[in-house]
């Protein structure tokens, strides 16, 4: 038997990496800062971001925001509590696709939630409330608008949302488009829509 025939069954394994997605045509830049913030909001309220920016001190997991198992807590620095830190399960990189789904993802800077002093809750907020929180230096860790731009453009944990590893859906908007929208909003001074009954 030819040696290459042994490799054929591997091509059909259920844990093989999914086929690469076709890149969508880049969206036209949004020039209106309020409209740009709506692009930002869609990203920040995607599962990849909300899972680590939840209501309360327990992170969520998966594409449907179920409670993290094992049940862990944020801790003062956002890296878990004594005896059950994020690093106990989350390594410095995503495990290979051959490990299958449901393996703890990893990132080079170490896994973490925002610290307890400024938890930056994204889950369940309307656009206006999310906008106000994001630019409030007392709630965002003291970050200026420029620091926020750098954070969303370069922080490895933010970038992870677009490469979340096998079995997870990436953020639904391209990272470049997100950064452009964030910059448009930030450079305009971070305007927020007026709160309404449907957009608190």
Protein backbone atom coordinates (compact mmCIF):
# COMPACT_ATOMS: atom_id res chain seq x y z
CA UNK A 1 0.00 0.00 0.00
CA UNK A 2 1.23 3.47 -0.81
CA UNK A 3 2.35 5.43 2.32
CA UNK A 4 0.27 8.47 1.42
CA UNK A 5 -2.93 6.42 1.72
CA UNK A 6 -2.44 6.32 5.51
CA UNK A 7 -2.91 10.10 5.62
CA UNK A 8 -6.34 10.05 3.94
CA UNK A 9 -8.38 9.31 7.09
CA UNK A 10 -6.81 12.31 8.83
CA UNK A 11 -8.36 14.65 6.28
CA UNK A 12 -11.85 13.71 7.45
CA UNK A 13 -11.28 14.08 11.24
CA UNK A 14 -13.91 16.14 12.97
CA UNK A 15 -11.25 18.09 14.88
CA UNK A 16 -9.39 19.26 11.79
CA UNK A 17 -9.15 23.02 11.47
CA UNK A 18 -12.14 24.57 9.72
CA UNK A 19 -11.58 25.92 6.22
CA UNK A 20 -10.38 29.53 6.08
CA UNK A 21 -13.18 32.03 5.81
CA UNK A 22 -13.45 34.15 2.71
CA UNK A 23 -12.55 37.73 3.57
CA UNK A 24 -15.44 40.12 3.16
CA UNK A 25 -14.93 43.27 1.15
CA UNK A 26 -13.76 46.07 3.45
CA UNK A 27 -16.55 48.32 4.59
CA UNK A 28 -16.47 52.00 3.69
CA UNK A 29 -15.15 54.09 6.60
CA UNK A 30 -17.86 55.55 8.82
CA UNK A 31 -17.34 59.30 9.22
CA UNK A 32 -20.15 60.10 11.65
CA UNK A 33 -18.76 59.49 15.17
CA UNK A 34 -22.12 58.37 16.60
CA UNK A 35 -22.52 55.84 13.79
CA UNK A 36 -18.89 54.81 14.28
CA UNK A 37 -19.59 54.11 17.93
CA UNK A 38 -22.36 51.71 16.92
CA UNK A 39 -19.68 49.66 15.13
CA UNK A 40 -17.60 49.81 18.32
CA UNK A 41 -20.61 48.72 20.38
CA UNK A 42 -21.24 45.66 18.19
CA UNK A 43 -17.65 44.55 18.79
CA UNK A 44 -17.61 45.24 22.53
CA UNK A 45 -20.89 43.41 23.02
CA UNK A 46 -19.87 40.33 21.04
CA UNK A 47 -19.30 37.14 23.08
CA UNK A 48 -15.53 37.45 22.68
CA UNK A 49 -15.59 40.71 24.67
CA UNK A 50 -18.64 40.32 26.93
CA UNK A 51 -17.40 37.03 28.38
CA UNK A 52 -14.60 38.91 30.14
CA UNK A 53 -16.64 42.10 30.66
CA UNK A 54 -19.69 40.56 32.40
CA UNK A 55 -22.10 41.83 35.01
CA UNK A 56 -20.67 40.67 38.34
CA UNK A 57 -17.33 39.03 39.07
CA UNK A 58 -17.75 35.64 37.38
CA UNK A 59 -16.62 35.44 33.75
CA UNK A 60 -18.71 33.81 31.06
CA UNK A 61 -17.62 31.40 28.35
CA UNK A 62 -18.58 30.11 24.94
CA UNK A 63 -20.53 31.77 22.17
CA UNK A 64 -23.71 31.85 24.29
CA UNK A 65 -22.32 33.42 27.46
CA UNK A 66 -22.81 30.55 29.88
CA UNK A 67 -21.30 30.83 33.35
CA UNK A 68 -17.61 29.91 33.40
CA UNK A 69 -16.79 26.40 34.59
CA UNK A 70 -15.08 25.96 36.93
CA UNK A 71 -16.76 28.81 38.75
CA UNK A 72 -14.06 31.40 39.31
CA UNK A 73 -14.07 34.99 40.47
CA UNK A 74 -12.40 38.11 39.08
CA UNK A 75 -10.19 38.82 42.09
CA UNK A 76 -8.72 42.25 42.84
CA UNK A 77 -6.34 42.27 39.86
CA UNK A 78 -8.65 40.49 37.43
CA UNK A 79 -6.51 37.34 37.29
CA UNK A 80 -8.60 35.16 39.59
CA UNK A 81 -8.33 34.42 43.28
CA UNK A 82 -5.84 32.51 45.39
CA UNK A 83 -5.96 28.84 44.51
CA UNK A 84 -7.91 29.39 41.29
CA UNK A 85 -6.18 31.85 39.02
CA UNK A 86 -6.86 32.31 35.33
CA UNK A 87 -3.35 31.03 34.60
CA UNK A 88 -4.17 27.69 36.24
CA UNK A 89 -5.99 26.72 33.02
CA UNK A 90 -5.28 29.45 30.46
CA UNK A 91 -1.82 29.31 28.88
CA UNK A 92 0.14 31.77 26.80
CA UNK A 93 -1.41 30.70 23.49
CA UNK A 94 -4.44 28.91 22.08
CA UNK A 95 -4.07 25.13 22.08
CA UNK A 96 -3.84 23.50 18.65
CA UNK A 97 -7.07 22.66 16.83
CA UNK A 98 -6.16 18.97 17.16
CA UNK A 99 -7.04 19.23 20.87
CA UNK A 100 -10.68 19.76 19.86
CA UNK A 101 -13.26 22.21 21.12
CA UNK A 102 -13.72 23.43 24.68
CA UNK A 103 -10.03 23.71 25.54
CA UNK A 104 -9.11 26.84 27.54
CA UNK A 105 -7.80 29.53 25.18
CA UNK A 106 -4.60 31.41 25.86
CA UNK A 107 -2.87 34.68 25.09
CA UNK A 108 0.73 35.89 25.36
CA UNK A 109 0.02 38.53 28.01
CA UNK A 110 -1.85 36.11 30.25
CA UNK A 111 -5.60 35.70 30.62
CA UNK A 112 -7.41 38.25 32.75
CA UNK A 113 -10.55 40.27 33.34
CA UNK A 114 -10.43 43.98 34.09
CA UNK A 115 -9.47 44.53 37.75
CA UNK A 116 -12.14 44.92 40.42
CA UNK A 117 -11.47 48.67 40.73
CA UNK A 118 -12.79 49.24 37.20
CA UNK A 119 -14.61 46.14 35.91
CA UNK A 120 -15.70 47.76 32.61
CA UNK A 121 -19.00 45.91 32.26
CA UNK A 122 -20.07 45.64 28.60
CA UNK A 123 -22.90 43.14 29.05
CA UNK A 124 -26.43 44.47 29.00
CA UNK A 125 -25.60 48.16 28.57
CA UNK A 126 -27.31 50.41 26.07
CA UNK A 127 -25.20 52.36 23.62
CA UNK A 128 -25.26 55.59 25.62
CA UNK A 129 -24.26 53.96 28.93
CA UNK A 130 -21.52 51.92 27.27
CA UNK A 131 -20.17 55.03 25.54
CA UNK A 132 -20.10 57.09 28.75
CA UNK A 133 -18.37 54.32 30.69
CA UNK A 134 -15.76 53.72 28.05
CA UNK A 135 -14.47 57.28 28.00
CA UNK A 136 -14.76 57.88 31.78
CA UNK A 137 -11.19 57.76 33.09
CA UNK A 138 -12.43 56.95 36.59
CA UNK A 139 -14.03 53.77 35.24
CA UNK A 140 -11.67 52.81 32.39
CA UNK A 141 -8.45 52.50 34.36
CA UNK A 142 -7.31 56.07 33.77
CA UNK A 143 -6.95 55.67 30.00
CA UNK A 144 -6.94 58.71 27.73
CA UNK A 145 -8.59 58.49 24.31
CA UNK A 146 -5.19 57.86 22.72
CA UNK A 147 -4.45 55.11 25.24
CA UNK A 148 -7.82 53.52 24.47
CA UNK A 149 -7.02 53.58 20.75
CA UNK A 150 -3.69 51.89 21.41
CA UNK A 151 -5.38 49.34 23.67
CA UNK A 152 -7.95 48.25 21.06
CA UNK A 153 -5.38 48.35 18.25
CA UNK A 154 -2.51 46.45 19.88
CA UNK A 155 -3.30 44.67 23.14
CA UNK A 156 -2.86 40.92 22.49
CA UNK A 157 -5.89 40.08 24.62
CA UNK A 158 -8.07 42.38 22.48
CA UNK A 159 -6.57 40.94 19.28
CA UNK A 160 -7.33 37.44 20.52
CA UNK A 161 -11.02 38.13 19.83
CA UNK A 162 -10.29 37.81 16.11
CA UNK A 163 -8.28 34.58 16.54
CA UNK A 164 -10.07 32.86 19.42
CA UNK A 165 -9.03 29.33 18.60
CA UNK A 166 -10.86 26.24 17.46
CA UNK A 167 -14.61 26.07 18.08
CA UNK A 168 -15.19 29.77 18.84
CA UNK A 169 -16.66 32.42 16.57
CA UNK A 170 -14.39 35.45 16.11
CA UNK A 171 -15.61 39.01 16.56
CA UNK A 172 -18.06 39.62 13.67
CA UNK A 173 -16.46 42.86 12.42
CA UNK A 174 -12.93 43.00 10.97
CA UNK A 175 -10.34 44.35 13.39
CA UNK A 176 -9.19 47.09 11.00
CA UNK A 177 -12.77 48.27 10.60
CA UNK A 178 -13.24 48.27 14.38
CA UNK A 179 -10.09 50.32 14.97
CA UNK A 180 -11.08 52.83 12.28
CA UNK A 181 -14.50 53.24 13.86
CA UNK A 182 -13.01 53.53 17.34
CA UNK A 183 -10.55 56.16 16.16
CA UNK A 184 -13.31 58.13 14.37
CA UNK A 185 -15.33 58.17 17.60
CA UNK A 186 -12.34 58.95 19.85
CA UNK A 187 -10.87 61.73 17.69
CA UNK A 188 -14.29 63.41 17.68
CA UNK A 189 -14.12 63.56 21.47
CA UNK A 190 -16.13 60.42 22.19
CA UNK A 191 -19.66 61.75 21.66
CA UNK A 192 -22.47 59.64 23.06
CA UNK A 193 -26.03 59.37 21.82
CA UNK A 194 -28.65 60.85 24.12
CA UNK A 195 -30.14 58.17 26.37
CA UNK A 196 -33.63 57.03 25.41
CA UNK A 197 -36.07 54.46 26.73
CA UNK A 198 -34.64 51.97 24.21
CA UNK A 199 -31.00 53.10 24.54
CA UNK A 200 -30.25 53.84 28.22
